[in-house]
Amino acid sequence: MHSSFTGNGNYSYTLGNGTISGTFGLMTSEHVAPYMFSTSATYADGQWSETGTASAAATGQGNFNYTSSGTVGMSGQQWEVTITVSENGTDGYLYLYTLGYVLDDQGAWTLDTASGGIGGSGMANWFYSAGGDYWYDVGLSTVTGTLSEFAEDHMTYSYTTTDTAAAGVWIHSGFGIWTNHGNGNRSFSANSPYTTADG
């Protein structure tokens, strides 16, 4: 048995007086190898009973990615700025399991043993910058100035799991790493002469 899916699209969100827009993509794939099985039947007291074992391998993978960027404007009563935002990220996983089943005397297949695990990793980046002007009145004059801001954030992660089953009881263990770092700054300056109401 095999199944897969691939898709992509667009997304957007409003910021200030504009729109940040981007694209995304998605892919998944799953495969179960043909079952290998054996059964035996016995006849006693006028009734047939059947037992057996079966095995299969299940694998799968998938990934997701996105990216966007845009430049918009924002303003208030005493300021106006132009903002640029960009972001991107990915996420992926892969798994593999070997499964063992037993056929009981009631004719039902149930999971008996299993081994395998899943691994994955991803990252996300975000960038922001803004620059513009501000002003305010002092006395009879208007002080004007400029301002700027910058910020960024970066995140990564990875993980693995080990999964086993015995007599149908699962045991899970795993390990993961997550990191995040970022920085930012803000600056402004003004240098305008002004005159007070009394000169």
N, C-alpha and C. Protein backbone atom coordinates (compact mmCIF):
# COMPACT_ATOMS: atom_id res chain seq x y z
N MET A 1 0.84 -1.18 0.00
CA MET A 1 0.00 0.00 0.00
C MET A 1 0.88 1.24 0.00
N HIS A 2 0.57 2.19 -0.85
CA HIS A 2 1.35 3.41 -0.93
C HIS A 2 0.41 4.60 -1.11
N SER A 3 0.72 5.67 -0.42
CA SER A 3 -0.04 6.91 -0.59
C SER A 3 0.90 8.10 -0.50
N SER A 4 0.59 9.14 -1.23
CA SER A 4 1.42 10.33 -1.21
C SER A 4 0.56 11.56 -1.51
N PHE A 5 1.06 12.69 -1.07
CA PHE A 5 0.36 13.95 -1.29
C PHE A 5 1.37 15.07 -1.47
N THR A 6 1.15 15.91 -2.44
CA THR A 6 1.99 17.08 -2.67
C THR A 6 1.09 18.28 -2.92
N GLY A 7 1.38 19.38 -2.26
CA GLY A 7 0.56 20.57 -2.44
C GLY A 7 1.37 21.83 -2.21
N ASN A 8 0.86 22.92 -2.68
CA ASN A 8 1.48 24.22 -2.45
C ASN A 8 0.41 25.30 -2.52
N GLY A 9 0.73 26.45 -2.00
CA GLY A 9 -0.26 27.52 -1.99
C GLY A 9 0.33 28.84 -1.56
N ASN A 10 -0.54 29.77 -1.32
CA ASN A 10 -0.14 31.12 -0.94
C ASN A 10 -0.80 31.49 0.39
N TYR A 11 -0.15 32.37 1.13
CA TYR A 11 -0.75 32.90 2.35
C TYR A 11 -0.38 34.37 2.48
N SER A 12 -1.13 35.08 3.28
CA SER A 12 -0.88 36.50 3.48
C SER A 12 -1.50 36.96 4.79
N TYR A 13 -0.98 38.05 5.31
CA TYR A 13 -1.58 38.67 6.49
C TYR A 13 -1.36 40.18 6.41
N THR A 14 -2.25 40.91 7.06
CA THR A 14 -2.22 42.36 7.01
C THR A 14 -1.29 42.92 8.08
N LEU A 15 -0.49 43.90 7.68
CA LEU A 15 0.38 44.60 8.62
C LEU A 15 0.40 46.06 8.21
N GLY A 16 0.06 46.96 9.15
CA GLY A 16 0.02 48.37 8.82
C GLY A 16 -0.99 48.64 7.72
N ASN A 17 -0.55 49.37 6.70
CA ASN A 17 -1.45 49.65 5.58
C ASN A 17 -1.15 48.79 4.37
N GLY A 18 -0.49 47.65 4.61
CA GLY A 18 -0.15 46.76 3.50
C GLY A 18 -0.32 45.30 3.85
N THR A 19 0.26 44.45 3.04
CA THR A 19 0.10 43.01 3.19
C THR A 19 1.45 42.31 3.03
N ILE A 20 1.72 41.38 3.93
CA ILE A 20 2.87 40.49 3.81
C ILE A 20 2.37 39.20 3.17
N SER A 21 2.97 38.77 2.08
CA SER A 21 2.49 37.60 1.36
C SER A 21 3.63 36.60 1.16
N GLY A 22 3.25 35.33 1.05
CA GLY A 22 4.25 34.29 0.88
C GLY A 22 3.68 33.05 0.25
N THR A 23 4.53 32.04 0.15
CA THR A 23 4.15 30.75 -0.44
C THR A 23 4.52 29.63 0.52
N PHE A 24 3.87 28.48 0.36
CA PHE A 24 4.20 27.31 1.16
C PHE A 24 4.09 26.06 0.30
N GLY A 25 4.76 25.00 0.74
CA GLY A 25 4.70 23.72 0.06
C GLY A 25 4.64 22.59 1.06
N LEU A 26 3.98 21.50 0.68
CA LEU A 26 3.78 20.37 1.57
C LEU A 26 3.90 19.07 0.79
N MET A 27 4.60 18.08 1.38
CA MET A 27 4.71 16.76 0.76
C MET A 27 4.67 15.69 1.84
N THR A 28 3.86 14.65 1.63
CA THR A 28 3.86 13.49 2.51
C THR A 28 3.85 12.22 1.68
N SER A 29 4.46 11.18 2.21
CA SER A 29 4.51 9.89 1.51
C SER A 29 4.52 8.78 2.55
N GLU A 30 3.67 7.78 2.37
CA GLU A 30 3.60 6.64 3.29
C GLU A 30 3.56 5.35 2.48
N HIS A 31 4.26 4.35 2.99
CA HIS A 31 4.34 3.07 2.28
C HIS A 31 4.35 1.92 3.29
N VAL A 32 3.53 0.94 3.06
CA VAL A 32 3.50 -0.28 3.86
C VAL A 32 3.83 -1.44 2.93
N ALA A 33 4.95 -2.13 3.23
CA ALA A 33 5.37 -3.25 2.40
C ALA A 33 4.35 -4.37 2.50
N PRO A 34 4.23 -5.20 1.47
CA PRO A 34 3.28 -6.33 1.52
C PRO A 34 3.52 -7.20 2.75
N TYR A 35 2.43 -7.59 3.35
CA TYR A 35 2.52 -8.45 4.52
C TYR A 35 3.07 -9.83 4.13
N MET A 36 3.94 -10.35 4.99
CA MET A 36 4.39 -11.74 4.89
C MET A 36 3.76 -12.49 6.05
N PHE A 37 3.03 -13.56 5.75
CA PHE A 37 2.33 -14.24 6.83
C PHE A 37 2.33 -15.75 6.63
N SER A 38 2.11 -16.43 7.74
CA SER A 38 1.95 -17.89 7.71
C SER A 38 0.89 -18.26 8.73
N THR A 39 0.09 -19.27 8.41
CA THR A 39 -0.98 -19.71 9.31
C THR A 39 -1.01 -21.24 9.37
N SER A 40 -1.59 -21.72 10.41
CA SER A 40 -1.82 -23.16 10.54
C SER A 40 -3.19 -23.39 11.15
N ALA A 41 -3.80 -24.48 10.79
CA ALA A 41 -5.15 -24.77 11.26
C ALA A 41 -5.18 -26.16 11.89
N THR A 42 -5.96 -26.28 12.92
CA THR A 42 -6.16 -27.57 13.58
C THR A 42 -7.65 -27.84 13.72
N TYR A 43 -7.96 -29.12 13.74
CA TYR A 43 -9.36 -29.53 13.89
C TYR A 43 -9.46 -30.42 15.12
N ALA A 44 -10.31 -30.03 16.07
CA ALA A 44 -10.50 -30.82 17.28
C ALA A 44 -11.91 -30.62 17.79
N ASP A 45 -12.48 -31.67 18.28
CA ASP A 45 -13.82 -31.63 18.85
C ASP A 45 -14.83 -31.03 17.89
N GLY A 46 -14.65 -31.29 16.62
CA GLY A 46 -15.60 -30.83 15.63
C GLY A 46 -15.48 -29.37 15.25
N GLN A 47 -14.38 -28.72 15.64
CA GLN A 47 -14.19 -27.30 15.30
C GLN A 47 -12.79 -27.05 14.76
N TRP A 48 -12.73 -26.12 13.80
CA TRP A 48 -11.46 -25.68 13.26
C TRP A 48 -10.98 -24.45 14.02
N SER A 49 -9.67 -24.39 14.28
CA SER A 49 -9.04 -23.19 14.85
C SER A 49 -7.78 -22.88 14.06
N GLU A 50 -7.50 -21.60 13.93
CA GLU A 50 -6.38 -21.17 13.10
C GLU A 50 -5.51 -20.18 13.86
N THR A 51 -4.20 -20.34 13.75
CA THR A 51 -3.24 -19.41 14.34
C THR A 51 -2.22 -19.04 13.26
N GLY A 52 -1.48 -17.96 13.52
CA GLY A 52 -0.49 -17.54 12.53
C GLY A 52 0.28 -16.31 12.96
N THR A 53 1.23 -15.96 12.13
CA THR A 53 2.04 -14.76 12.35
C THR A 53 2.14 -13.99 11.03
N ALA A 54 2.40 -12.69 11.15
CA ALA A 54 2.56 -11.85 9.97
C ALA A 54 3.52 -10.72 10.30
N SER A 55 4.17 -10.19 9.27
CA SER A 55 5.09 -9.08 9.47
C SER A 55 4.94 -8.08 8.31
N ALA A 56 5.28 -6.84 8.60
CA ALA A 56 5.21 -5.79 7.60
C ALA A 56 6.16 -4.67 7.98
N ALA A 57 6.54 -3.86 7.00
CA ALA A 57 7.38 -2.69 7.24
C ALA A 57 6.62 -1.45 6.81
N ALA A 58 6.60 -0.44 7.67
CA ALA A 58 5.91 0.82 7.37
C ALA A 58 6.93 1.95 7.36
N THR A 59 6.94 2.71 6.29
CA THR A 59 7.86 3.84 6.17
C THR A 59 7.07 5.07 5.73
N GLY A 60 7.60 6.22 6.05
CA GLY A 60 6.96 7.46 5.63
C GLY A 60 7.88 8.64 5.79
N GLN A 61 7.56 9.69 5.08
CA GLN A 61 8.32 10.92 5.19
C GLN A 61 7.44 12.10 4.80
N GLY A 62 7.86 13.26 5.18
CA GLY A 62 7.11 14.45 4.83
C GLY A 62 7.94 15.70 5.08
N ASN A 63 7.57 16.76 4.42
CA ASN A 63 8.22 18.03 4.68
C ASN A 63 7.27 19.18 4.37
N PHE A 64 7.54 20.29 5.03
CA PHE A 64 6.76 21.51 4.87
C PHE A 64 7.72 22.68 4.82
N ASN A 65 7.47 23.64 3.94
CA ASN A 65 8.33 24.80 3.87
C ASN A 65 7.49 26.04 3.55
N TYR A 66 7.99 27.18 3.95
CA TYR A 66 7.27 28.44 3.68
C TYR A 66 8.28 29.58 3.56
N THR A 67 7.89 30.61 2.86
CA THR A 67 8.69 31.82 2.76
C THR A 67 7.79 32.99 2.44
N SER A 68 8.09 34.15 3.00
CA SER A 68 7.28 35.33 2.72
C SER A 68 8.12 36.58 2.93
N SER A 69 7.67 37.67 2.36
CA SER A 69 8.33 38.95 2.55
C SER A 69 7.38 40.06 2.11
N GLY A 70 7.65 41.25 2.56
CA GLY A 70 6.83 42.39 2.16
C GLY A 70 7.29 43.67 2.83
N THR A 71 6.93 44.76 2.22
CA THR A 71 7.24 46.09 2.76
C THR A 71 5.94 46.88 2.87
N VAL A 72 5.68 47.44 4.04
CA VAL A 72 4.42 48.15 4.29
C VAL A 72 4.73 49.46 5.00
N GLY A 73 3.75 50.31 5.09
CA GLY A 73 3.86 51.57 5.80
C GLY A 73 2.95 51.61 7.01
N MET A 74 3.38 52.31 8.05
CA MET A 74 2.56 52.55 9.23
C MET A 74 2.78 53.99 9.66
N SER A 75 1.75 54.58 10.26
CA SER A 75 1.88 55.97 10.69
C SER A 75 0.97 56.25 11.88
N GLY A 76 1.35 57.27 12.63
CA GLY A 76 0.57 57.75 13.75
C GLY A 76 0.47 59.26 13.67
N GLN A 77 0.04 59.89 14.77
CA GLN A 77 -0.13 61.33 14.77
C GLN A 77 1.20 62.08 14.64
N GLN A 78 2.28 61.47 15.14
CA GLN A 78 3.57 62.17 15.12
C GLN A 78 4.70 61.30 14.59
N TRP A 79 4.37 60.31 13.79
CA TRP A 79 5.41 59.46 13.23
C TRP A 79 4.90 58.72 12.00
N GLU A 80 5.82 58.28 11.16
CA GLU A 80 5.52 57.40 10.04
C GLU A 80 6.76 56.58 9.72
N VAL A 81 6.56 55.30 9.43
CA VAL A 81 7.68 54.41 9.17
C VAL A 81 7.36 53.48 8.01
N THR A 82 8.40 52.97 7.41
CA THR A 82 8.31 51.91 6.42
C THR A 82 8.90 50.64 7.03
N ILE A 83 8.15 49.56 6.98
CA ILE A 83 8.54 48.30 7.63
C ILE A 83 8.74 47.22 6.58
N THR A 84 9.82 46.49 6.72
CA THR A 84 10.09 45.32 5.87
C THR A 84 10.15 44.08 6.76
N VAL A 85 9.40 43.06 6.40
CA VAL A 85 9.36 41.80 7.14
C VAL A 85 9.61 40.65 6.18
N SER A 86 10.43 39.70 6.59
CA SER A 86 10.62 38.48 5.81
C SER A 86 10.75 37.30 6.77
N GLU A 87 10.31 36.14 6.33
CA GLU A 87 10.36 34.94 7.15
C GLU A 87 10.46 33.72 6.26
N ASN A 88 11.04 32.66 6.80
CA ASN A 88 11.10 31.39 6.08
C ASN A 88 11.30 30.27 7.08
N GLY A 89 10.93 29.08 6.68
CA GLY A 89 11.08 27.95 7.57
C GLY A 89 10.86 26.63 6.86
N THR A 90 11.32 25.56 7.50
CA THR A 90 11.15 24.20 6.97
C THR A 90 10.86 23.25 8.14
N ASP A 91 10.22 22.15 7.83
CA ASP A 91 9.94 21.10 8.80
C ASP A 91 9.92 19.77 8.04
N GLY A 92 10.64 18.78 8.54
CA GLY A 92 10.67 17.49 7.86
C GLY A 92 10.75 16.33 8.84
N TYR A 93 10.27 15.18 8.41
CA TYR A 93 10.32 13.99 9.26
C TYR A 93 10.47 12.74 8.39
N LEU A 94 10.93 11.66 9.03
CA LEU A 94 11.09 10.36 8.37
C LEU A 94 10.88 9.28 9.43
N TYR A 95 10.11 8.25 9.10
CA TYR A 95 9.92 7.16 10.07
C TYR A 95 10.03 5.81 9.38
N LEU A 96 10.36 4.81 10.18
CA LEU A 96 10.47 3.42 9.72
C LEU A 96 10.11 2.49 10.87
N TYR A 97 9.18 1.59 10.64
CA TYR A 97 8.76 0.62 11.65
C TYR A 97 8.65 -0.77 11.03
N THR A 98 9.09 -1.76 11.80
CA THR A 98 8.85 -3.16 11.47
C THR A 98 7.81 -3.70 12.44
N LEU A 99 6.74 -4.28 11.90
CA LEU A 99 5.59 -4.67 12.71
C LEU A 99 5.38 -6.17 12.64
N GLY A 100 5.07 -6.77 13.79
CA GLY A 100 4.76 -8.19 13.85
C GLY A 100 3.37 -8.42 14.42
N TYR A 101 2.58 -9.28 13.78
CA TYR A 101 1.20 -9.56 14.19
C TYR A 101 1.04 -11.05 14.47
N VAL A 102 0.05 -11.34 15.29
CA VAL A 102 -0.31 -12.73 15.56
C VAL A 102 -1.80 -12.91 15.30
N LEU A 103 -2.13 -14.09 14.85
CA LEU A 103 -3.52 -14.46 14.61
C LEU A 103 -3.97 -15.38 15.74
N ASP A 104 -4.96 -14.90 16.49
CA ASP A 104 -5.39 -15.72 17.63
C ASP A 104 -6.43 -16.75 17.21
N ASP A 105 -6.85 -17.55 18.17
CA ASP A 105 -7.79 -18.63 17.84
C ASP A 105 -9.20 -18.13 17.56
N GLN A 106 -9.40 -16.81 17.68
CA GLN A 106 -10.68 -16.22 17.33
C GLN A 106 -10.67 -15.63 15.92
N GLY A 107 -9.52 -15.76 15.25
CA GLY A 107 -9.42 -15.28 13.87
C GLY A 107 -9.12 -13.80 13.75
N ALA A 108 -8.59 -13.16 14.81
CA ALA A 108 -8.30 -11.73 14.78
C ALA A 108 -6.79 -11.50 14.77
N TRP A 109 -6.33 -10.61 13.87
CA TRP A 109 -4.93 -10.22 13.82
C TRP A 109 -4.70 -9.07 14.80
N THR A 110 -3.70 -9.19 15.68
CA THR A 110 -3.37 -8.14 16.64
C THR A 110 -1.87 -7.88 16.61
N LEU A 111 -1.49 -6.64 16.89
CA LEU A 111 -0.07 -6.28 16.93
C LEU A 111 0.59 -6.96 18.12
N ASP A 112 1.73 -7.60 17.86
CA ASP A 112 2.46 -8.31 18.91
C ASP A 112 3.80 -7.66 19.18
N THR A 113 4.62 -7.44 18.14
CA THR A 113 5.93 -6.83 18.31
C THR A 113 6.11 -5.69 17.30
N ALA A 114 7.01 -4.80 17.64
CA ALA A 114 7.31 -3.68 16.74
C ALA A 114 8.64 -3.07 17.13
N SER A 115 9.30 -2.49 16.16
CA SER A 115 10.54 -1.75 16.41
C SER A 115 10.68 -0.68 15.34
N GLY A 116 11.27 0.42 15.72
CA GLY A 116 11.48 1.50 14.76
C GLY A 116 11.57 2.84 15.44
N GLY A 117 11.33 3.87 14.69
CA GLY A 117 11.41 5.20 15.24
C GLY A 117 11.15 6.26 14.19
N ILE A 118 11.24 7.49 14.63
CA ILE A 118 11.00 8.63 13.77
C ILE A 118 12.05 9.69 14.06
N GLY A 119 12.46 10.38 13.02
CA GLY A 119 13.41 11.48 13.17
C GLY A 119 12.93 12.68 12.38
N GLY A 120 13.23 13.84 12.89
CA GLY A 120 12.80 15.04 12.20
C GLY A 120 13.63 16.24 12.57
N SER A 121 13.51 17.29 11.79
CA SER A 121 14.23 18.53 12.06
C SER A 121 13.53 19.67 11.36
N GLY A 122 13.83 20.87 11.79
CA GLY A 122 13.23 22.04 11.18
C GLY A 122 13.92 23.32 11.63
N MET A 123 13.53 24.41 11.01
CA MET A 123 14.08 25.71 11.37
C MET A 123 13.10 26.79 10.95
N ALA A 124 13.26 27.96 11.58
CA ALA A 124 12.43 29.12 11.25
C ALA A 124 13.27 30.38 11.44
N ASN A 125 13.18 31.29 10.49
CA ASN A 125 13.89 32.56 10.55
C ASN A 125 12.91 33.71 10.35
N TRP A 126 13.14 34.80 11.08
CA TRP A 126 12.27 35.98 11.00
C TRP A 126 13.13 37.24 11.05
N PHE A 127 12.86 38.16 10.13
CA PHE A 127 13.62 39.41 10.05
C PHE A 127 12.64 40.59 10.00
N TYR A 128 13.02 41.66 10.67
CA TYR A 128 12.18 42.86 10.73
C TYR A 128 13.07 44.09 10.71
N SER A 129 12.72 45.04 9.89
CA SER A 129 13.43 46.32 9.90
C SER A 129 12.42 47.44 9.64
N ALA A 130 12.67 48.58 10.25
CA ALA A 130 11.77 49.72 10.10
C ALA A 130 12.59 51.00 10.13
N GLY A 131 12.16 51.95 9.36
CA GLY A 131 12.82 53.25 9.35
C GLY A 131 11.82 54.33 8.98
N GLY A 132 11.98 55.50 9.57
CA GLY A 132 11.04 56.57 9.26
C GLY A 132 11.35 57.86 9.99
N ASP A 133 10.32 58.67 10.13
CA ASP A 133 10.47 60.01 10.71
C ASP A 133 9.48 60.19 11.86
N TYR A 134 9.86 61.11 12.76
CA TYR A 134 8.94 61.52 13.82
C TYR A 134 9.08 63.02 14.03
N TRP A 135 8.10 63.60 14.68
CA TRP A 135 8.11 65.05 14.90
C TRP A 135 7.23 65.38 16.11
N TYR A 136 7.54 66.50 16.73
CA TYR A 136 6.71 67.00 17.82
C TYR A 136 7.00 68.50 17.99
N ASP A 137 6.03 69.17 18.53
CA ASP A 137 6.13 70.62 18.69
C ASP A 137 6.78 70.98 20.01
N VAL A 138 7.68 71.94 19.96
CA VAL A 138 8.28 72.54 21.15
C VAL A 138 8.22 74.06 20.96
N GLY A 139 7.49 74.73 21.81
CA GLY A 139 7.32 76.16 21.62
C GLY A 139 6.63 76.45 20.31
N LEU A 140 7.26 77.32 19.54
CA LEU A 140 6.68 77.69 18.25
C LEU A 140 7.28 76.90 17.09
N SER A 141 8.13 75.95 17.39
CA SER A 141 8.81 75.18 16.35
C SER A 141 8.45 73.71 16.45
N THR A 142 8.80 73.02 15.41
CA THR A 142 8.59 71.57 15.35
C THR A 142 9.93 70.87 15.27
N VAL A 143 10.16 70.00 16.23
CA VAL A 143 11.37 69.17 16.21
C VAL A 143 11.11 67.97 15.32
N THR A 144 12.02 67.70 14.42
CA THR A 144 11.89 66.54 13.53
C THR A 144 13.09 65.62 13.73
N GLY A 145 12.88 64.36 13.46
CA GLY A 145 13.96 63.40 13.62
C GLY A 145 13.72 62.14 12.82
N THR A 146 14.67 61.26 12.89
CA THR A 146 14.58 59.97 12.20
C THR A 146 14.69 58.85 13.22
N LEU A 147 14.13 57.72 12.87
CA LEU A 147 14.21 56.54 13.75
C LEU A 147 14.41 55.28 12.90
N SER A 148 14.98 54.28 13.53
CA SER A 148 15.17 53.00 12.85
C SER A 148 15.13 51.88 13.87
N GLU A 149 14.65 50.72 13.44
CA GLU A 149 14.57 49.52 14.28
C GLU A 149 14.99 48.31 13.45
N PHE A 150 15.56 47.33 14.15
CA PHE A 150 15.91 46.08 13.49
C PHE A 150 15.77 44.95 14.50
N ALA A 151 15.26 43.82 14.04
CA ALA A 151 15.15 42.64 14.91
C ALA A 151 15.20 41.39 14.05
N GLU A 152 15.73 40.32 14.62
CA GLU A 152 15.76 39.03 13.94
C GLU A 152 15.66 37.91 14.96
N ASP A 153 15.13 36.78 14.52
CA ASP A 153 14.97 35.61 15.39
C ASP A 153 15.22 34.36 14.57
N HIS A 154 15.96 33.42 15.15
CA HIS A 154 16.30 32.18 14.45
C HIS A 154 16.07 31.00 15.38
N MET A 155 15.39 29.98 14.89
CA MET A 155 15.09 28.79 15.69
C MET A 155 15.39 27.53 14.88
N THR A 156 15.99 26.55 15.54
CA THR A 156 16.22 25.25 14.92
C THR A 156 15.85 24.15 15.92
N TYR A 157 15.49 22.99 15.40
CA TYR A 157 15.21 21.86 16.27
C TYR A 157 15.46 20.55 15.52
N SER A 158 15.71 19.50 16.28
CA SER A 158 15.83 18.16 15.72
C SER A 158 15.45 17.16 16.80
N TYR A 159 15.00 15.99 16.39
CA TYR A 159 14.58 14.98 17.36
C TYR A 159 14.65 13.59 16.73
N THR A 160 14.79 12.60 17.59
CA THR A 160 14.72 11.19 17.18
C THR A 160 13.97 10.42 18.26
N THR A 161 13.25 9.41 17.88
CA THR A 161 12.58 8.53 18.83
C THR A 161 12.93 7.08 18.53
N THR A 162 12.92 6.27 19.55
CA THR A 162 13.06 4.82 19.42
C THR A 162 11.84 4.19 20.04
N ASP A 163 11.13 3.39 19.26
CA ASP A 163 9.86 2.83 19.70
C ASP A 163 9.89 1.32 19.52
N THR A 164 9.52 0.61 20.56
CA THR A 164 9.45 -0.85 20.49
C THR A 164 8.14 -1.32 21.13
N ALA A 165 7.73 -2.51 20.74
CA ALA A 165 6.54 -3.12 21.32
C ALA A 165 6.80 -4.60 21.55
N ALA A 166 6.30 -5.09 22.66
CA ALA A 166 6.38 -6.51 22.99
C ALA A 166 5.05 -6.92 23.60
N ALA A 167 4.49 -7.99 23.08
CA ALA A 167 3.18 -8.45 23.53
C ALA A 167 2.15 -7.33 23.41
N GLY A 168 2.32 -6.49 22.40
CA GLY A 168 1.37 -5.42 22.14
C GLY A 168 1.53 -4.18 23.00
N VAL A 169 2.56 -4.16 23.87
CA VAL A 169 2.77 -3.02 24.77
C VAL A 169 3.93 -2.18 24.23
N TRP A 170 3.66 -0.89 23.97
CA TRP A 170 4.66 0.01 23.40
C TRP A 170 5.55 0.61 24.48
N ILE A 171 6.83 0.81 24.12
CA ILE A 171 7.79 1.55 24.95
C ILE A 171 8.42 2.60 24.05
N HIS A 172 8.39 3.86 24.50
CA HIS A 172 8.88 4.96 23.69
C HIS A 172 10.04 5.67 24.41
N SER A 173 11.03 6.06 23.65
CA SER A 173 12.11 6.88 24.17
C SER A 173 12.56 7.82 23.05
N GLY A 174 13.22 8.90 23.43
CA GLY A 174 13.63 9.84 22.39
C GLY A 174 14.55 10.91 22.92
N PHE A 175 15.01 11.73 21.99
CA PHE A 175 15.94 12.80 22.31
C PHE A 175 15.73 13.94 21.34
N GLY A 176 15.80 15.16 21.83
CA GLY A 176 15.60 16.31 20.97
C GLY A 176 16.47 17.49 21.36
N ILE A 177 16.75 18.34 20.40
CA ILE A 177 17.53 19.56 20.62
C ILE A 177 16.75 20.73 20.02
N TRP A 178 16.65 21.83 20.78
CA TRP A 178 15.97 23.04 20.34
C TRP A 178 16.86 24.23 20.64
N THR A 179 17.08 25.09 19.66
CA THR A 179 17.88 26.29 19.88
C THR A 179 17.11 27.50 19.37
N ASN A 180 17.33 28.63 20.01
CA ASN A 180 16.68 29.87 19.60
C ASN A 180 17.59 31.04 19.96
N HIS A 181 17.79 31.94 19.01
CA HIS A 181 18.57 33.13 19.30
C HIS A 181 18.09 34.28 18.42
N GLY A 182 18.30 35.47 18.88
CA GLY A 182 17.88 36.65 18.14
C GLY A 182 18.53 37.89 18.69
N ASN A 183 18.35 39.00 18.02
CA ASN A 183 18.86 40.26 18.49
C ASN A 183 18.08 41.39 17.84
N GLY A 184 18.26 42.59 18.36
CA GLY A 184 17.57 43.74 17.82
C GLY A 184 18.18 45.03 18.32
N ASN A 185 17.85 46.10 17.68
CA ASN A 185 18.31 47.41 18.13
C ASN A 185 17.34 48.48 17.67
N ARG A 186 17.42 49.63 18.33
CA ARG A 186 16.57 50.77 17.99
C ARG A 186 17.39 52.04 18.15
N SER A 187 17.25 52.96 17.23
CA SER A 187 17.98 54.22 17.32
C SER A 187 17.11 55.36 16.81
N PHE A 188 17.38 56.54 17.30
CA PHE A 188 16.67 57.72 16.82
C PHE A 188 17.57 58.94 17.00
N SER A 189 17.31 59.96 16.24
CA SER A 189 18.09 61.19 16.34
C SER A 189 17.23 62.36 15.92
N ALA A 190 17.50 63.51 16.53
CA ALA A 190 16.80 64.75 16.18
C ALA A 190 17.75 65.92 16.40
N ASN A 191 17.70 66.87 15.53
CA ASN A 191 18.57 68.03 15.67
C ASN A 191 17.91 69.21 14.97
N SER A 192 16.92 69.74 15.65
CA SER A 192 16.18 70.85 15.05
C SER A 192 16.16 72.02 16.01
N PRO A 193 16.56 73.19 15.60
CA PRO A 193 16.45 74.38 16.47
C PRO A 193 14.98 74.73 16.68
N TYR A 194 14.68 75.31 17.81
CA TYR A 194 13.29 75.68 18.07
C TYR A 194 13.25 77.03 18.80
N THR A 195 12.10 77.63 18.71
CA THR A 195 11.88 78.92 19.35
C THR A 195 10.73 78.80 20.33
N THR A 196 10.93 79.27 21.56
CA THR A 196 9.88 79.19 22.56
C THR A 196 8.89 80.31 22.36
N ALA A 197 7.78 80.23 23.07
CA ALA A 197 6.72 81.23 22.90
C ALA A 197 7.19 82.60 23.34
N ASP A 198 8.13 82.70 24.31
CA ASP A 198 8.61 84.01 24.76
C ASP A 198 9.89 84.45 24.05
N GLY A 199 10.25 83.72 22.99
CA GLY A 199 11.41 84.11 22.22
C GLY A 199 12.69 83.52 22.77
